[in-house]
Amino acid sequence: MIPSLLFRIGVREILRQQRAYLFYMHPWEVDPEQPRPEGTTAFSRFKHYTNLSKTEGKLKSLLQKFSECSFVPCHEHLEQERTRNSVESLQLNQPNEPE
């Protein structure tokens, strides 16, 4: 529901500050032909089905706009961060060499 431009600006800012952005989509969000159960509220139908047919195109556009980024599973990113933090910690704990 957030306009694409505003979403991309937000993601770029998060990447600038934190170097990573966690993105998740439900599989049903790219299936405009999914079954629609009866008995749901108007709000629920609006939230789940509005612009559903546009989601795949928006996802492809997002991936193109961020093509310079690496898309990795969450567990892989966390392992990379643990390794990076361990190396930085070791570097900080080394005594300074005399000049």
C-alpha atoms as a PDB file:
ATOM      1  CA  MET A   1       0.000   0.000   0.000  1.00  0.00           C
ATOM      2  CA  ILE A   2       3.021   2.294   0.323  1.00  0.00           C
ATOM      3  CA  PRO A   3       3.874   4.085  -2.928  1.00  0.00           C
ATOM      4  CA  SER A   4       6.860   2.420  -4.635  1.00  0.00           C
ATOM      5  CA  LEU A   5       9.017   5.561  -4.661  1.00  0.00           C
ATOM      6  CA  LEU A   6       8.524   6.154  -0.937  1.00  0.00           C
ATOM      7  CA  PHE A   7       9.243   2.478  -0.230  1.00  0.00           C
ATOM      8  CA  ARG A   8      12.511   2.593  -2.217  1.00  0.00           C
ATOM      9  CA  ILE A   9      13.613   5.793  -0.446  1.00  0.00           C
ATOM     10  CA  GLY A  10      12.989   4.127   2.898  1.00  0.00           C
ATOM     11  CA  VAL A  11      14.883   0.983   1.920  1.00  0.00           C
ATOM     12  CA  ARG A  12      17.876   3.012   0.672  1.00  0.00           C
ATOM     13  CA  GLU A  13      17.984   4.934   3.958  1.00  0.00           C
ATOM     14  CA  ILE A  14      17.852   1.716   5.995  1.00  0.00           C
ATOM     15  CA  LEU A  15      20.636   0.243   3.838  1.00  0.00           C
ATOM     16  CA  ARG A  16      22.725   3.389   4.322  1.00  0.00           C
ATOM     17  CA  GLN A  17      22.363   3.229   8.096  1.00  0.00           C
ATOM     18  CA  GLN A  18      22.343  -0.499   8.757  1.00  0.00           C
ATOM     19  CA  ARG A  19      23.862  -2.149   5.660  1.00  0.00           C
ATOM     20  CA  ALA A  20      20.982  -4.651   5.503  1.00  0.00           C
ATOM     21  CA  TYR A  21      17.263  -4.676   4.918  1.00  0.00           C
ATOM     22  CA  LEU A  22      15.036  -7.634   5.725  1.00  0.00           C
ATOM     23  CA  PHE A  23      12.318  -8.122   3.143  1.00  0.00           C
ATOM     24  CA  TYR A  24       9.586 -10.735   3.283  1.00  0.00           C
ATOM     25  CA  MET A  25       6.594 -11.436   1.095  1.00  0.00           C
ATOM     26  CA  HIS A  26       3.939 -14.044   1.613  1.00  0.00           C
ATOM     27  CA  PRO A  27       3.685 -16.420  -1.355  1.00  0.00           C
ATOM     28  CA  TRP A  28      -0.005 -15.546  -1.749  1.00  0.00           C
ATOM     29  CA  GLU A  29       0.984 -11.921  -2.432  1.00  0.00           C
ATOM     30  CA  VAL A  30       2.051 -12.881  -5.965  1.00  0.00           C
ATOM     31  CA  ASP A  31      -0.976 -15.071  -6.723  1.00  0.00           C
ATOM     32  CA  PRO A  32      -3.890 -12.966  -7.994  1.00  0.00           C
ATOM     33  CA  GLU A  33      -5.840 -16.175  -8.755  1.00  0.00           C
ATOM     34  CA  GLN A  34      -5.786 -17.465  -5.179  1.00  0.00           C
ATOM     35  CA  PRO A  35      -9.044 -18.731  -3.679  1.00  0.00           C
ATOM     36  CA  ARG A  36     -11.046 -16.082  -1.839  1.00  0.00           C
ATOM     37  CA  PRO A  37     -12.756 -17.458   1.245  1.00  0.00           C
ATOM     38  CA  GLU A  38     -16.270 -16.385   2.040  1.00  0.00           C
ATOM     39  CA  GLY A  39     -17.143 -14.572   5.236  1.00  0.00           C
ATOM     40  CA  THR A  40     -14.196 -12.170   5.334  1.00  0.00           C
ATOM     41  CA  THR A  41     -14.692  -8.518   6.224  1.00  0.00           C
ATOM     42  CA  ALA A  42     -14.560  -5.745   3.648  1.00  0.00           C
ATOM     43  CA  PHE A  43     -11.407  -4.415   5.325  1.00  0.00           C
ATOM     44  CA  SER A  44      -9.709  -7.809   5.126  1.00  0.00           C
ATOM     45  CA  ARG A  45     -10.624  -8.181   1.448  1.00  0.00           C
ATOM     46  CA  PHE A  46      -9.333  -4.675   0.731  1.00  0.00           C
ATOM     47  CA  LYS A  47      -6.063  -5.304   2.574  1.00  0.00           C
ATOM     48  CA  HIS A  48      -5.395  -8.683   0.965  1.00  0.00           C
ATOM     49  CA  TYR A  49      -6.671  -8.265  -2.582  1.00  0.00           C
ATOM     50  CA  THR A  50      -6.268  -4.611  -3.609  1.00  0.00           C
ATOM     51  CA  ASN A  51      -3.636  -4.342  -6.374  1.00  0.00           C
ATOM     52  CA  LEU A  52      -2.744  -8.018  -5.964  1.00  0.00           C
ATOM     53  CA  SER A  53      -2.373  -8.330  -9.731  1.00  0.00           C
ATOM     54  CA  LYS A  54       0.373  -5.660  -9.620  1.00  0.00           C
ATOM     55  CA  THR A  55       2.511  -7.251  -6.910  1.00  0.00           C
ATOM     56  CA  GLU A  56       4.679  -9.398  -9.172  1.00  0.00           C
ATOM     57  CA  GLY A  57       5.538  -6.410 -11.378  1.00  0.00           C
ATOM     58  CA  LYS A  58       6.353  -4.292  -8.320  1.00  0.00           C
ATOM     59  CA  LEU A  59       8.614  -7.036  -6.973  1.00  0.00           C
ATOM     60  CA  LYS A  60      10.481  -7.294 -10.294  1.00  0.00           C
ATOM     61  CA  SER A  61      10.875  -3.508 -10.374  1.00  0.00           C
ATOM     62  CA  LEU A  62      12.207  -3.494  -6.809  1.00  0.00           C
ATOM     63  CA  LEU A  63      14.765  -6.185  -7.649  1.00  0.00           C
ATOM     64  CA  GLN A  64      15.905  -4.178 -10.679  1.00  0.00           C
ATOM     65  CA  LYS A  65      16.208  -0.942  -8.662  1.00  0.00           C
ATOM     66  CA  PHE A  66      18.384  -2.726  -6.101  1.00  0.00           C
ATOM     67  CA  SER A  67      20.352  -4.885  -8.548  1.00  0.00           C
ATOM     68  CA  GLU A  68      23.630  -3.744  -6.950  1.00  0.00           C
ATOM     69  CA  CYS A  69      22.564  -5.373  -3.677  1.00  0.00           C
ATOM     70  CA  SER A  70      23.056  -8.972  -2.641  1.00  0.00           C
ATOM     71  CA  PHE A  71      19.967 -10.931  -1.759  1.00  0.00           C
ATOM     72  CA  VAL A  72      20.863 -13.598   0.779  1.00  0.00           C
ATOM     73  CA  PRO A  73      18.910 -15.775   3.197  1.00  0.00           C
ATOM     74  CA  CYS A  74      18.572 -14.276   6.666  1.00  0.00           C
ATOM     75  CA  HIS A  75      20.713 -16.983   8.306  1.00  0.00           C
ATOM     76  CA  GLU A  76      23.539 -16.267   5.833  1.00  0.00           C
ATOM     77  CA  HIS A  77      23.442 -12.535   6.582  1.00  0.00           C
ATOM     78  CA  LEU A  78      23.505 -13.181  10.330  1.00  0.00           C
ATOM     79  CA  GLU A  79      26.531 -15.457   9.939  1.00  0.00           C
ATOM     80  CA  GLN A  80      28.327 -12.783   7.869  1.00  0.00           C
ATOM     81  CA  GLU A  81      27.597 -10.196  10.579  1.00  0.00           C
ATOM     82  CA  ARG A  82      28.863 -12.504  13.338  1.00  0.00           C
ATOM     83  CA  THR A  83      32.088 -13.073  11.393  1.00  0.00           C
ATOM     84  CA  ARG A  84      32.514  -9.346  10.683  1.00  0.00           C
ATOM     85  CA  ASN A  85      31.877  -8.443  14.336  1.00  0.00           C
ATOM     86  CA  SER A  86      34.381 -11.099  15.504  1.00  0.00           C
ATOM     87  CA  VAL A  87      37.079  -9.724  13.197  1.00  0.00           C
ATOM     88  CA  GLU A  88      36.402  -6.152  14.338  1.00  0.00           C
ATOM     89  CA  SER A  89      36.525  -7.244  17.973  1.00  0.00           C
ATOM     90  CA  LEU A  90      39.868  -8.971  17.440  1.00  0.00           C
ATOM     91  CA  GLN A  91      41.282  -5.886  15.723  1.00  0.00           C
ATOM     92  CA  LEU A  92      40.172  -3.636  18.590  1.00  0.00           C
ATOM     93  CA  ASN A  93      41.740  -5.932  21.198  1.00  0.00           C
ATOM     94  CA  GLN A  94      45.185  -6.037  19.575  1.00  0.00           C
ATOM     95  CA  PRO A  95      47.793  -3.847  21.258  1.00  0.00           C
ATOM     96  CA  ASN A  96      48.951  -0.868  19.235  1.00  0.00           C
ATOM     97  CA  GLU A  97      52.370  -1.286  17.689  1.00  0.00           C
ATOM     98  CA  PRO A  98      54.958   1.370  18.674  1.00  0.00           C
ATOM     99  CA  GLU A  99      55.697   3.871  15.917  1.00  0.00           C
END
